[in-house]
């Protein structure tokens, strides 16, 4: 899906102002490093990636302090982020680079916080989630950080919003917002894992898939100038709907198991290996 960008000025903590850019998916504009084949993902000459990722989870809403509500989601996502670095999923990104060098499979997790304030109802906009992430980061976010906000309230037929901006005028921040997923209701209910493969609840299984997909995009295309194909498709959305074969999963470095959609590899496409995507192009790996 291609959606245009918008910019806004929002108030954040300490009386500073953040400039926010919103993106869901961008139209194709990249050039160089990928060859002339429009199927390949490329990066603009001035494009950036996150060479070594830092993550933090923000659970927004007092319900997250209720174990009956949270279930295995908080502990499970802690395990996801703690085990992502050095995993096969993280290693897929290492074929991509920017001017400063290739992406590393290393990743540092800063832990989670529970913000007991009530999130606004309905689907949140970029200005709101950027402001919350800046507040939690004390207006001093890690420039390589991806701040995940999980609200206790559902969105309106939306699985996730990925956006970026800055805290104050010069502190870049990348944010992913994921509304509440109960594992049953749309839009994120699917049969990727009923718990029989990974041992997760259906809700955690879906959180893991959405989180993994958004994290991979944020690493390879953190601020809209990174890796996309000619149609604007990213490492995750080029393999939309493509999962590892039944019973298989991504094994993380801490031993946790996750059913996450396959990710695009230029190298696999050039070699004619990997699973075909919905357009029939072989390049989706797991």
C-alpha atoms as a PDB file:
ATOM      1  CA  UNK A   1       0.000   0.000   0.000  1.00  0.00           C
ATOM      2  CA  UNK A   2       1.398   3.399  -0.903  1.00  0.00           C
ATOM      3  CA  UNK A   3       0.519   6.303   1.312  1.00  0.00           C
ATOM      4  CA  UNK A   4       1.920   9.820   1.020  1.00  0.00           C
ATOM      5  CA  UNK A   5       3.763  11.564   3.804  1.00  0.00           C
ATOM      6  CA  UNK A   6       2.670  14.455   5.964  1.00  0.00           C
ATOM      7  CA  UNK A   7       4.487  16.765   8.348  1.00  0.00           C
ATOM      8  CA  UNK A   8       3.314  18.417  11.529  1.00  0.00           C
ATOM      9  CA  UNK A   9       4.681  20.265  14.541  1.00  0.00           C
ATOM     10  CA  UNK A  10       3.747  18.757  17.863  1.00  0.00           C
ATOM     11  CA  UNK A  11       4.414  19.671  21.473  1.00  0.00           C
ATOM     12  CA  UNK A  12       6.489  17.257  23.553  1.00  0.00           C
ATOM     13  CA  UNK A  13       7.863  17.277  27.081  1.00  0.00           C
ATOM     14  CA  UNK A  14      10.170  19.957  28.427  1.00  0.00           C
ATOM     15  CA  UNK A  15       8.544  22.586  26.236  1.00  0.00           C
ATOM     16  CA  UNK A  16      10.293  21.424  23.086  1.00  0.00           C
ATOM     17  CA  UNK A  17       8.777  20.902  19.670  1.00  0.00           C
ATOM     18  CA  UNK A  18       9.136  17.828  17.497  1.00  0.00           C
ATOM     19  CA  UNK A  19       8.933  17.769  13.716  1.00  0.00           C
ATOM     20  CA  UNK A  20       7.091  14.635  12.669  1.00  0.00           C
ATOM     21  CA  UNK A  21       7.057  12.824   9.364  1.00  0.00           C
ATOM     22  CA  UNK A  22       4.431  10.121   8.872  1.00  0.00           C
ATOM     23  CA  UNK A  23       4.934   7.123   6.632  1.00  0.00           C
ATOM     24  CA  UNK A  24       3.133   3.851   6.093  1.00  0.00           C
ATOM     25  CA  UNK A  25       4.639   2.928   2.736  1.00  0.00           C
ATOM     26  CA  UNK A  26       6.374   5.209   0.289  1.00  0.00           C
ATOM     27  CA  UNK A  27       6.395   5.349  -3.471  1.00  0.00           C
ATOM     28  CA  UNK A  28       9.531   4.154  -5.234  1.00  0.00           C
ATOM     29  CA  UNK A  29      12.385   6.607  -5.516  1.00  0.00           C
ATOM     30  CA  UNK A  30      15.516   4.657  -4.622  1.00  0.00           C
ATOM     31  CA  UNK A  31      18.509   4.369  -6.888  1.00  0.00           C
ATOM     32  CA  UNK A  32      21.845   2.624  -7.020  1.00  0.00           C
ATOM     33  CA  UNK A  33      23.238  -0.449  -5.221  1.00  0.00           C
ATOM     34  CA  UNK A  34      20.573  -2.797  -6.513  1.00  0.00           C
ATOM     35  CA  UNK A  35      20.917  -2.920 -10.275  1.00  0.00           C
ATOM     36  CA  UNK A  36      18.357  -2.014 -12.924  1.00  0.00           C
ATOM     37  CA  UNK A  37      15.892  -4.825 -12.185  1.00  0.00           C
ATOM     38  CA  UNK A  38      12.791  -3.117 -10.712  1.00  0.00           C
ATOM     39  CA  UNK A  39      12.121  -6.176  -8.553  1.00  0.00           C
ATOM     40  CA  UNK A  40      15.314  -5.617  -6.563  1.00  0.00           C
ATOM     41  CA  UNK A  41      15.289  -3.418  -3.505  1.00  0.00           C
ATOM     42  CA  UNK A  42      17.579  -0.404  -3.777  1.00  0.00           C
ATOM     43  CA  UNK A  43      18.582   2.535  -1.591  1.00  0.00           C
ATOM     44  CA  UNK A  44      18.927   6.187  -2.477  1.00  0.00           C
ATOM     45  CA  UNK A  45      22.484   7.521  -2.589  1.00  0.00           C
ATOM     46  CA  UNK A  46      21.860   9.532   0.565  1.00  0.00           C
ATOM     47  CA  UNK A  47      19.735   6.843   2.183  1.00  0.00           C
ATOM     48  CA  UNK A  48      20.186   5.555   5.718  1.00  0.00           C
ATOM     49  CA  UNK A  49      19.720   2.307   7.592  1.00  0.00           C
ATOM     50  CA  UNK A  50      20.027   1.437  11.277  1.00  0.00           C
ATOM     51  CA  UNK A  51      23.448  -0.204  11.303  1.00  0.00           C
ATOM     52  CA  UNK A  52      23.076  -1.586  14.830  1.00  0.00           C
ATOM     53  CA  UNK A  53      19.600  -1.610  16.300  1.00  0.00           C
ATOM     54  CA  UNK A  54      18.396  -0.499  19.718  1.00  0.00           C
ATOM     55  CA  UNK A  55      14.810  -1.275  20.790  1.00  0.00           C
ATOM     56  CA  UNK A  56      12.509  -0.253  23.611  1.00  0.00           C
ATOM     57  CA  UNK A  57       8.936  -1.353  24.344  1.00  0.00           C
ATOM     58  CA  UNK A  58       6.318   1.015  25.794  1.00  0.00           C
ATOM     59  CA  UNK A  59       3.072  -0.538  27.032  1.00  0.00           C
ATOM     60  CA  UNK A  60       0.580   2.308  27.233  1.00  0.00           C
ATOM     61  CA  UNK A  61      -2.477   1.898  29.454  1.00  0.00           C
ATOM     62  CA  UNK A  62      -3.098   0.730  33.026  1.00  0.00           C
ATOM     63  CA  UNK A  63      -4.592  -2.547  31.779  1.00  0.00           C
ATOM     64  CA  UNK A  64      -1.079  -3.763  30.988  1.00  0.00           C
ATOM     65  CA  UNK A  65      -0.456  -4.006  34.754  1.00  0.00           C
ATOM     66  CA  UNK A  66      -3.281  -6.545  34.978  1.00  0.00           C
ATOM     67  CA  UNK A  67      -1.848 -10.007  34.374  1.00  0.00           C
ATOM     68  CA  UNK A  68      -5.253 -11.292  33.256  1.00  0.00           C
ATOM     69  CA  UNK A  69      -5.228  -8.679  30.486  1.00  0.00           C
ATOM     70  CA  UNK A  70      -1.524  -8.836  29.588  1.00  0.00           C
ATOM     71  CA  UNK A  71      -1.300 -12.636  29.566  1.00  0.00           C
ATOM     72  CA  UNK A  72       2.010 -13.671  28.023  1.00  0.00           C
ATOM     73  CA  UNK A  73       2.330 -10.575  25.810  1.00  0.00           C
ATOM     74  CA  UNK A  74       4.753  -8.453  27.871  1.00  0.00           C
ATOM     75  CA  UNK A  75       7.026 -11.299  28.908  1.00  0.00           C
ATOM     76  CA  UNK A  76       6.829 -12.725  25.399  1.00  0.00           C
ATOM     77  CA  UNK A  77       7.768  -9.478  23.679  1.00  0.00           C
ATOM     78  CA  UNK A  78      10.621  -9.012  26.170  1.00  0.00           C
ATOM     79  CA  UNK A  79      11.877 -12.406  25.008  1.00  0.00           C
ATOM     80  CA  UNK A  80      11.395 -11.364  21.363  1.00  0.00           C
ATOM     81  CA  UNK A  81      13.507  -8.237  21.660  1.00  0.00           C
ATOM     82  CA  UNK A  82      16.121  -9.881  23.889  1.00  0.00           C
ATOM     83  CA  UNK A  83      16.608 -12.732  21.427  1.00  0.00           C
ATOM     84  CA  UNK A  84      16.367 -10.796  18.155  1.00  0.00           C
ATOM     85  CA  UNK A  85      20.044  -9.822  18.021  1.00  0.00           C
ATOM     86  CA  UNK A  86      22.105 -12.500  16.320  1.00  0.00           C
ATOM     87  CA  UNK A  87      19.011 -14.403  15.190  1.00  0.00           C
ATOM     88  CA  UNK A  88      18.399 -15.681  11.693  1.00  0.00           C
ATOM     89  CA  UNK A  89      15.783 -12.962  11.279  1.00  0.00           C
ATOM     90  CA  UNK A  90      18.310 -10.248  12.162  1.00  0.00           C
ATOM     91  CA  UNK A  91      20.940 -11.816   9.916  1.00  0.00           C
ATOM     92  CA  UNK A  92      18.692 -11.357   6.862  1.00  0.00           C
ATOM     93  CA  UNK A  93      19.279  -7.600   7.140  1.00  0.00           C
ATOM     94  CA  UNK A  94      23.079  -7.909   6.962  1.00  0.00           C
ATOM     95  CA  UNK A  95      23.136  -7.974   3.149  1.00  0.00           C
ATOM     96  CA  UNK A  96      21.852  -4.389   3.176  1.00  0.00           C
ATOM     97  CA  UNK A  97      23.950  -1.306   3.887  1.00  0.00           C
ATOM     98  CA  UNK A  98      24.253   2.452   3.567  1.00  0.00           C
ATOM     99  CA  UNK A  99      27.228   4.767   3.092  1.00  0.00           C
ATOM    100  CA  UNK A 100      28.506   4.021   6.598  1.00  0.00           C
ATOM    101  CA  UNK A 101      28.540   0.249   6.079  1.00  0.00           C
ATOM    102  CA  UNK A 102      26.383  -2.869   6.337  1.00  0.00           C
ATOM    103  CA  UNK A 103      23.677  -3.557   8.864  1.00  0.00           C
ATOM    104  CA  UNK A 104      24.800  -5.611  11.844  1.00  0.00           C
ATOM    105  CA  UNK A 105      22.723  -8.444  13.254  1.00  0.00           C
ATOM    106  CA  UNK A 106      23.476  -7.113  16.738  1.00  0.00           C
ATOM    107  CA  UNK A 107      20.600  -5.536  18.654  1.00  0.00           C
ATOM    108  CA  UNK A 108      20.325  -4.047  22.134  1.00  0.00           C
ATOM    109  CA  UNK A 109      17.069  -4.127  24.083  1.00  0.00           C
ATOM    110  CA  UNK A 110      16.516  -1.293  26.561  1.00  0.00           C
ATOM    111  CA  UNK A 111      13.671  -3.128  28.272  1.00  0.00           C
ATOM    112  CA  UNK A 112      10.041  -2.145  28.647  1.00  0.00           C
ATOM    113  CA  UNK A 113       8.054   0.399  30.598  1.00  0.00           C
ATOM    114  CA  UNK A 114       4.363   0.458  31.475  1.00  0.00           C
ATOM    115  CA  UNK A 115       2.794   3.900  31.148  1.00  0.00           C
ATOM    116  CA  UNK A 116      -0.372   3.755  33.263  1.00  0.00           C
ATOM    117  CA  UNK A 117      -1.927   6.863  31.713  1.00  0.00           C
ATOM    118  CA  UNK A 118      -4.945   6.269  29.474  1.00  0.00           C
ATOM    119  CA  UNK A 119      -4.191   6.294  25.740  1.00  0.00           C
ATOM    120  CA  UNK A 120      -6.675   8.173  23.556  1.00  0.00           C
ATOM    121  CA  UNK A 121      -9.419   5.907  22.125  1.00  0.00           C
ATOM    122  CA  UNK A 122      -9.328   4.620  18.598  1.00  0.00           C
ATOM    123  CA  UNK A 123      -6.453   4.651  16.147  1.00  0.00           C
ATOM    124  CA  UNK A 124      -3.696   7.022  17.223  1.00  0.00           C
ATOM    125  CA  UNK A 125      -1.964   9.374  14.827  1.00  0.00           C
ATOM    126  CA  UNK A 126       1.761   9.842  14.359  1.00  0.00           C
ATOM    127  CA  UNK A 127       1.930  13.072  16.352  1.00  0.00           C
ATOM    128  CA  UNK A 128       0.483  11.336  19.416  1.00  0.00           C
ATOM    129  CA  UNK A 129       2.797   8.326  19.369  1.00  0.00           C
ATOM    130  CA  UNK A 130       5.889  10.411  18.581  1.00  0.00           C
ATOM    131  CA  UNK A 131       5.067  12.656  21.546  1.00  0.00           C
ATOM    132  CA  UNK A 132       4.648   9.655  23.855  1.00  0.00           C
ATOM    133  CA  UNK A 133       7.897   8.040  22.712  1.00  0.00           C
ATOM    134  CA  UNK A 134       9.784  11.320  23.175  1.00  0.00           C
ATOM    135  CA  UNK A 135       8.377  11.667  26.695  1.00  0.00           C
ATOM    136  CA  UNK A 136       9.420   8.124  27.633  1.00  0.00           C
ATOM    137  CA  UNK A 137      12.873   8.712  26.137  1.00  0.00           C
ATOM    138  CA  UNK A 138      13.253  11.939  28.126  1.00  0.00           C
ATOM    139  CA  UNK A 139      13.535  13.796  24.824  1.00  0.00           C
ATOM    140  CA  UNK A 140      16.908  12.100  24.322  1.00  0.00           C
ATOM    141  CA  UNK A 141      16.186   8.992  22.207  1.00  0.00           C
ATOM    142  CA  UNK A 142      18.890   6.711  20.920  1.00  0.00           C
ATOM    143  CA  UNK A 143      19.362   7.713  17.252  1.00  0.00           C
ATOM    144  CA  UNK A 144      19.510   4.018  16.296  1.00  0.00           C
ATOM    145  CA  UNK A 145      16.498   3.223  18.432  1.00  0.00           C
ATOM    146  CA  UNK A 146      13.115   1.890  17.400  1.00  0.00           C
ATOM    147  CA  UNK A 147      10.534   2.674  20.085  1.00  0.00           C
ATOM    148  CA  UNK A 148       7.551   0.307  20.038  1.00  0.00           C
ATOM    149  CA  UNK A 149       4.311   1.567  21.576  1.00  0.00           C
ATOM    150  CA  UNK A 150       1.695  -1.067  22.429  1.00  0.00           C
ATOM    151  CA  UNK A 151      -1.614   0.437  23.546  1.00  0.00           C
ATOM    152  CA  UNK A 152      -4.207  -1.310  25.682  1.00  0.00           C
ATOM    153  CA  UNK A 153      -6.866   0.013  23.302  1.00  0.00           C
ATOM    154  CA  UNK A 154      -7.600  -1.363  19.829  1.00  0.00           C
ATOM    155  CA  UNK A 155      -7.162   0.585  16.624  1.00  0.00           C
ATOM    156  CA  UNK A 156      -9.632   0.851  13.790  1.00  0.00           C
ATOM    157  CA  UNK A 157      -8.717  -1.922  11.365  1.00  0.00           C
ATOM    158  CA  UNK A 158      -5.016  -1.146  11.647  1.00  0.00           C
ATOM    159  CA  UNK A 159      -2.232  -3.540  12.671  1.00  0.00           C
ATOM    160  CA  UNK A 160       0.576  -1.006  12.974  1.00  0.00           C
ATOM    161  CA  UNK A 161       1.792   2.479  12.158  1.00  0.00           C
ATOM    162  CA  UNK A 162       5.482   3.108  11.500  1.00  0.00           C
ATOM    163  CA  UNK A 163       6.646   6.678  11.671  1.00  0.00           C
ATOM    164  CA  UNK A 164       9.640   8.862  12.474  1.00  0.00           C
ATOM    165  CA  UNK A 165      10.431  12.368  13.542  1.00  0.00           C
ATOM    166  CA  UNK A 166      12.532  14.137  16.152  1.00  0.00           C
ATOM    167  CA  UNK A 167      12.383  15.037  19.824  1.00  0.00           C
ATOM    168  CA  UNK A 168      13.099  18.710  20.057  1.00  0.00           C
ATOM    169  CA  UNK A 169      14.685  19.887  16.849  1.00  0.00           C
ATOM    170  CA  UNK A 170      17.677  17.572  16.480  1.00  0.00           C
ATOM    171  CA  UNK A 171      17.044  14.228  18.196  1.00  0.00           C
ATOM    172  CA  UNK A 172      15.822  11.711  15.589  1.00  0.00           C
ATOM    173  CA  UNK A 173      13.420   9.017  16.699  1.00  0.00           C
ATOM    174  CA  UNK A 174      11.807   6.026  14.996  1.00  0.00           C
ATOM    175  CA  UNK A 175       8.480   4.794  16.373  1.00  0.00           C
ATOM    176  CA  UNK A 176       6.206   1.825  15.707  1.00  0.00           C
ATOM    177  CA  UNK A 177       2.686   1.926  17.147  1.00  0.00           C
ATOM    178  CA  UNK A 178       0.749  -1.342  17.489  1.00  0.00           C
ATOM    179  CA  UNK A 179      -2.839  -1.189  18.837  1.00  0.00           C
ATOM    180  CA  UNK A 180      -4.149  -3.928  21.091  1.00  0.00           C
ATOM    181  CA  UNK A 181      -4.381  -7.367  19.495  1.00  0.00           C
ATOM    182  CA  UNK A 182      -6.476 -10.003  21.248  1.00  0.00           C
ATOM    183  CA  UNK A 183      -5.688 -12.836  18.860  1.00  0.00           C
ATOM    184  CA  UNK A 184      -9.304 -13.181  17.716  1.00  0.00           C
ATOM    185  CA  UNK A 185     -10.713  -9.994  16.221  1.00  0.00           C
ATOM    186  CA  UNK A 186      -9.606  -8.436  12.930  1.00  0.00           C
ATOM    187  CA  UNK A 187      -7.534  -6.947  11.433  1.00  0.00           C
ATOM    188  CA  UNK A 188      -4.568  -8.997  12.604  1.00  0.00           C
ATOM    189  CA  UNK A 189      -6.175 -12.383  13.174  1.00  0.00           C
ATOM    190  CA  UNK A 190      -4.720 -15.090  10.967  1.00  0.00           C
ATOM    191  CA  UNK A 191      -3.587 -18.673  11.168  1.00  0.00           C
ATOM    192  CA  UNK A 192       0.160 -18.066  11.437  1.00  0.00           C
ATOM    193  CA  UNK A 193       0.358 -19.820  14.813  1.00  0.00           C
ATOM    194  CA  UNK A 194      -2.318 -21.182  17.114  1.00  0.00           C
ATOM    195  CA  UNK A 195       0.258 -21.885  19.816  1.00  0.00           C
ATOM    196  CA  UNK A 196       0.987 -25.428  18.724  1.00  0.00           C
ATOM    197  CA  UNK A 197       4.224 -24.395  16.977  1.00  0.00           C
ATOM    198  CA  UNK A 198       5.758 -21.816  19.308  1.00  0.00           C
ATOM    199  CA  UNK A 199       3.833 -22.271  22.544  1.00  0.00           C
ATOM    200  CA  UNK A 200       2.610 -18.667  22.456  1.00  0.00           C
ATOM    201  CA  UNK A 201      -0.939 -17.519  22.923  1.00  0.00           C
ATOM    202  CA  UNK A 202      -2.647 -16.535  19.645  1.00  0.00           C
ATOM    203  CA  UNK A 203      -2.365 -12.879  20.696  1.00  0.00           C
ATOM    204  CA  UNK A 204       1.393 -13.074  21.348  1.00  0.00           C
ATOM    205  CA  UNK A 205       1.906 -14.984  18.105  1.00  0.00           C
ATOM    206  CA  UNK A 206       0.283 -12.127  16.199  1.00  0.00           C
ATOM    207  CA  UNK A 207       2.180  -9.474  18.163  1.00  0.00           C
ATOM    208  CA  UNK A 208       5.382 -11.291  17.271  1.00  0.00           C
ATOM    209  CA  UNK A 209       4.575 -11.349  13.560  1.00  0.00           C
ATOM    210  CA  UNK A 210       3.573  -7.669  13.418  1.00  0.00           C
ATOM    211  CA  UNK A 211       6.514  -6.605  15.602  1.00  0.00           C
ATOM    212  CA  UNK A 212       9.015  -8.587  13.545  1.00  0.00           C
ATOM    213  CA  UNK A 213       7.693  -7.240  10.267  1.00  0.00           C
ATOM    214  CA  UNK A 214       7.768  -3.617  11.434  1.00  0.00           C
ATOM    215  CA  UNK A 215      11.196  -3.944  13.056  1.00  0.00           C
ATOM    216  CA  UNK A 216      12.731  -5.293   9.845  1.00  0.00           C
ATOM    217  CA  UNK A 217      11.304  -2.370   7.869  1.00  0.00           C
ATOM    218  CA  UNK A 218      12.509   0.138  10.462  1.00  0.00           C
ATOM    219  CA  UNK A 219      16.043  -1.272  10.291  1.00  0.00           C
ATOM    220  CA  UNK A 220      16.316  -1.235   6.496  1.00  0.00           C
ATOM    221  CA  UNK A 221      14.204   1.874   5.834  1.00  0.00           C
ATOM    222  CA  UNK A 222      14.102   3.866   9.076  1.00  0.00           C
ATOM    223  CA  UNK A 223      13.349   7.331   7.720  1.00  0.00           C
ATOM    224  CA  UNK A 224      11.974   6.811   4.222  1.00  0.00           C
ATOM    225  CA  UNK A 225      15.277   6.911   2.323  1.00  0.00           C
ATOM    226  CA  UNK A 226      16.278   3.281   2.826  1.00  0.00           C
ATOM    227  CA  UNK A 227      15.704   0.055   0.930  1.00  0.00           C
ATOM    228  CA  UNK A 228      12.599  -0.303  -1.239  1.00  0.00           C
ATOM    229  CA  UNK A 229      11.830  -1.632  -4.691  1.00  0.00           C
ATOM    230  CA  UNK A 230      10.622   0.473  -7.618  1.00  0.00           C
ATOM    231  CA  UNK A 231       7.036   0.223  -6.343  1.00  0.00           C
ATOM    232  CA  UNK A 232       7.972   1.284  -2.814  1.00  0.00           C
ATOM    233  CA  UNK A 233       7.716  -2.200  -1.309  1.00  0.00           C
ATOM    234  CA  UNK A 234       9.940  -2.937   1.690  1.00  0.00           C
ATOM    235  CA  UNK A 235      11.738  -6.005   3.057  1.00  0.00           C
ATOM    236  CA  UNK A 236       8.552  -7.213   4.776  1.00  0.00           C
ATOM    237  CA  UNK A 237       5.821  -6.128   2.390  1.00  0.00           C
ATOM    238  CA  UNK A 238       7.556  -7.657  -0.635  1.00  0.00           C
ATOM    239  CA  UNK A 239       6.850 -10.973   1.093  1.00  0.00           C
ATOM    240  CA  UNK A 240       3.397 -10.135   2.420  1.00  0.00           C
ATOM    241  CA  UNK A 241       1.459 -13.327   3.151  1.00  0.00           C
ATOM    242  CA  UNK A 242       4.501 -15.588   2.762  1.00  0.00           C
ATOM    243  CA  UNK A 243       5.431 -17.591   5.860  1.00  0.00           C
ATOM    244  CA  UNK A 244       7.904 -20.405   6.542  1.00  0.00           C
ATOM    245  CA  UNK A 245       6.475 -23.845   5.758  1.00  0.00           C
ATOM    246  CA  UNK A 246       4.029 -25.314   8.272  1.00  0.00           C
ATOM    247  CA  UNK A 247       5.693 -26.195  11.549  1.00  0.00           C
ATOM    248  CA  UNK A 248       8.821 -24.092  10.890  1.00  0.00           C
ATOM    249  CA  UNK A 249       9.747 -20.883  12.641  1.00  0.00           C
ATOM    250  CA  UNK A 250      12.499 -18.349  13.295  1.00  0.00           C
ATOM    251  CA  UNK A 251      14.690 -19.536  16.190  1.00  0.00           C
ATOM    252  CA  UNK A 252      16.016 -16.543  18.131  1.00  0.00           C
ATOM    253  CA  UNK A 253      19.367 -16.375  19.898  1.00  0.00           C
ATOM    254  CA  UNK A 254      17.746 -16.925  23.324  1.00  0.00           C
ATOM    255  CA  UNK A 255      15.921 -20.034  22.137  1.00  0.00           C
ATOM    256  CA  UNK A 256      12.514 -18.397  21.668  1.00  0.00           C
ATOM    257  CA  UNK A 257      10.516 -19.383  18.585  1.00  0.00           C
ATOM    258  CA  UNK A 258       8.515 -17.082  16.316  1.00  0.00           C
ATOM    259  CA  UNK A 259       6.312 -17.520  13.263  1.00  0.00           C
ATOM    260  CA  UNK A 260       7.008 -14.362  11.257  1.00  0.00           C
ATOM    261  CA  UNK A 261       6.417 -13.705   7.587  1.00  0.00           C
ATOM    262  CA  UNK A 262       9.402 -14.332   5.329  1.00  0.00           C
ATOM    263  CA  UNK A 263      11.647 -11.397   4.385  1.00  0.00           C
ATOM    264  CA  UNK A 264      12.957 -10.269   1.024  1.00  0.00           C
ATOM    265  CA  UNK A 265      16.558 -10.992   0.035  1.00  0.00           C
ATOM    266  CA  UNK A 266      18.087  -9.463  -3.099  1.00  0.00           C
ATOM    267  CA  UNK A 267      20.744 -12.174  -3.001  1.00  0.00           C
ATOM    268  CA  UNK A 268      18.141 -14.952  -2.946  1.00  0.00           C
ATOM    269  CA  UNK A 269      16.255 -13.323  -5.819  1.00  0.00           C
ATOM    270  CA  UNK A 270      19.414 -13.058  -7.936  1.00  0.00           C
ATOM    271  CA  UNK A 271      20.201 -16.709  -7.192  1.00  0.00           C
ATOM    272  CA  UNK A 272      16.642 -17.812  -7.936  1.00  0.00           C
ATOM    273  CA  UNK A 273      16.271 -19.270  -4.455  1.00  0.00           C
ATOM    274  CA  UNK A 274      13.900 -18.517  -1.631  1.00  0.00           C
ATOM    275  CA  UNK A 275      10.132 -18.741  -1.592  1.00  0.00           C
ATOM    276  CA  UNK A 276       8.204 -16.888  -4.332  1.00  0.00           C
ATOM    277  CA  UNK A 277       6.205 -13.873  -3.222  1.00  0.00           C
ATOM    278  CA  UNK A 278       2.646 -13.193  -4.326  1.00  0.00           C
ATOM    279  CA  UNK A 279       4.014 -11.760  -7.589  1.00  0.00           C
ATOM    280  CA  UNK A 280       5.915 -15.011  -8.241  1.00  0.00           C
ATOM    281  CA  UNK A 281       9.383 -13.568  -7.586  1.00  0.00           C
ATOM    282  CA  UNK A 282      11.661 -15.963  -5.670  1.00  0.00           C
ATOM    283  CA  UNK A 283      13.417 -14.014  -2.941  1.00  0.00           C
ATOM    284  CA  UNK A 284      11.533 -14.529   0.325  1.00  0.00           C
ATOM    285  CA  UNK A 285      13.746 -16.174   2.933  1.00  0.00           C
ATOM    286  CA  UNK A 286      13.349 -17.408   6.485  1.00  0.00           C
END
